[in-house]
């Protein structure tokens, strides 16, 4: 699945991933390969980019809220601000 994390200023992340965990308005949820099309609001929290199925390779970003669109095996995360966490 292709994942892009975008702010109004720049692209924070772009690449093929196993999945992504997102902080939804109603709680944490996960989008995996071949997920059904959807649009959802995101709350302030952490985005965890899962690079492999085992979960041992990942990146974390702190976001201030935004939206995610999933369509044609691509997840686009639009946020006002994001910071990569170690």
Protein backbone atom coordinates (compact mmCIF):
# COMPACT_ATOMS: atom_id res chain seq x y z
CA UNK A 1 0.00 0.00 0.00
CA UNK A 2 1.26 3.49 -0.80
CA UNK A 3 1.21 5.97 2.10
CA UNK A 4 1.66 9.73 1.90
CA UNK A 5 1.67 12.08 4.89
CA UNK A 6 1.29 15.69 3.77
CA UNK A 7 1.20 19.11 5.42
CA UNK A 8 0.37 22.37 3.62
CA UNK A 9 4.12 23.08 3.48
CA UNK A 10 5.68 19.75 2.51
CA UNK A 11 5.52 15.97 2.16
CA UNK A 12 6.48 14.37 5.48
CA UNK A 13 6.47 10.74 4.32
CA UNK A 14 5.92 8.82 1.08
CA UNK A 15 6.48 5.13 0.45
CA UNK A 16 5.15 1.59 0.31
CA UNK A 17 4.08 0.27 3.71
CA UNK A 18 2.38 -2.73 5.28
CA UNK A 19 -0.10 -0.48 7.09
CA UNK A 20 -0.62 2.59 9.23
CA UNK A 21 -2.16 3.16 12.68
CA UNK A 22 -4.06 6.44 13.01
CA UNK A 23 -5.68 8.42 15.85
CA UNK A 24 -9.33 8.72 14.75
CA UNK A 25 -11.86 11.03 16.39
CA UNK A 26 -13.48 7.94 17.97
CA UNK A 27 -10.23 6.11 18.77
CA UNK A 28 -7.21 4.42 17.24
CA UNK A 29 -7.68 2.48 13.98
CA UNK A 30 -5.49 0.74 11.43
CA UNK A 31 -5.45 0.75 7.62
CA UNK A 32 -3.83 -2.23 5.88
CA UNK A 33 -3.20 -3.33 2.30
CA UNK A 34 -6.35 -3.39 0.08
CA UNK A 35 -8.47 -1.54 2.67
CA UNK A 36 -11.93 -0.45 1.54
CA UNK A 37 -12.25 3.19 0.39
CA UNK A 38 -12.87 5.63 3.24
CA UNK A 39 -12.41 9.17 4.51
CA UNK A 40 -11.99 9.86 8.23
CA UNK A 41 -11.19 12.77 10.53
CA UNK A 42 -8.08 12.41 12.68
CA UNK A 43 -7.55 13.64 16.23
CA UNK A 44 -4.35 14.88 17.83
CA UNK A 45 -2.08 11.90 18.51
CA UNK A 46 0.49 9.57 17.01
CA UNK A 47 0.63 8.00 13.55
CA UNK A 48 2.54 4.71 13.41
CA UNK A 49 3.80 3.73 9.94
CA UNK A 50 4.18 -0.06 9.77
CA UNK A 51 6.86 -0.91 7.23
CA UNK A 52 6.57 -4.70 7.66
CA UNK A 53 3.98 -7.24 8.79
CA UNK A 54 6.09 -8.18 11.82
CA UNK A 55 5.84 -4.63 13.19
CA UNK A 56 9.55 -4.48 14.02
CA UNK A 57 10.20 -1.78 11.42
CA UNK A 58 8.16 1.38 11.90
CA UNK A 59 8.19 5.19 12.08
CA UNK A 60 6.18 7.38 14.43
CA UNK A 61 4.83 10.87 13.84
CA UNK A 62 2.98 13.19 16.19
CA UNK A 63 0.12 15.03 14.49
CA UNK A 64 -2.24 17.84 15.49
CA UNK A 65 -5.26 16.33 13.73
CA UNK A 66 -6.34 16.19 10.11
CA UNK A 67 -7.92 13.75 7.66
CA UNK A 68 -7.12 10.47 5.94
CA UNK A 69 -8.40 9.29 2.57
CA UNK A 70 -7.99 5.66 1.48
CA UNK A 71 -8.63 4.94 -2.19
CA UNK A 72 -7.18 2.46 -4.72
CA UNK A 73 -4.69 0.99 -2.20
CA UNK A 74 -3.29 4.43 -1.35
CA UNK A 75 -3.67 6.20 2.00
CA UNK A 76 -3.25 9.98 1.99
CA UNK A 77 -2.93 11.61 5.42
CA UNK A 78 -3.47 15.40 5.39
CA UNK A 79 -2.41 17.19 8.58
CA UNK A 80 -1.73 20.75 9.73
CA UNK A 81 1.53 19.79 11.39
CA UNK A 82 3.57 16.65 11.99
CA UNK A 83 6.76 15.87 13.88
CA UNK A 84 8.76 12.66 13.49
CA UNK A 85 9.31 10.92 16.83
CA UNK A 86 12.34 8.77 17.70
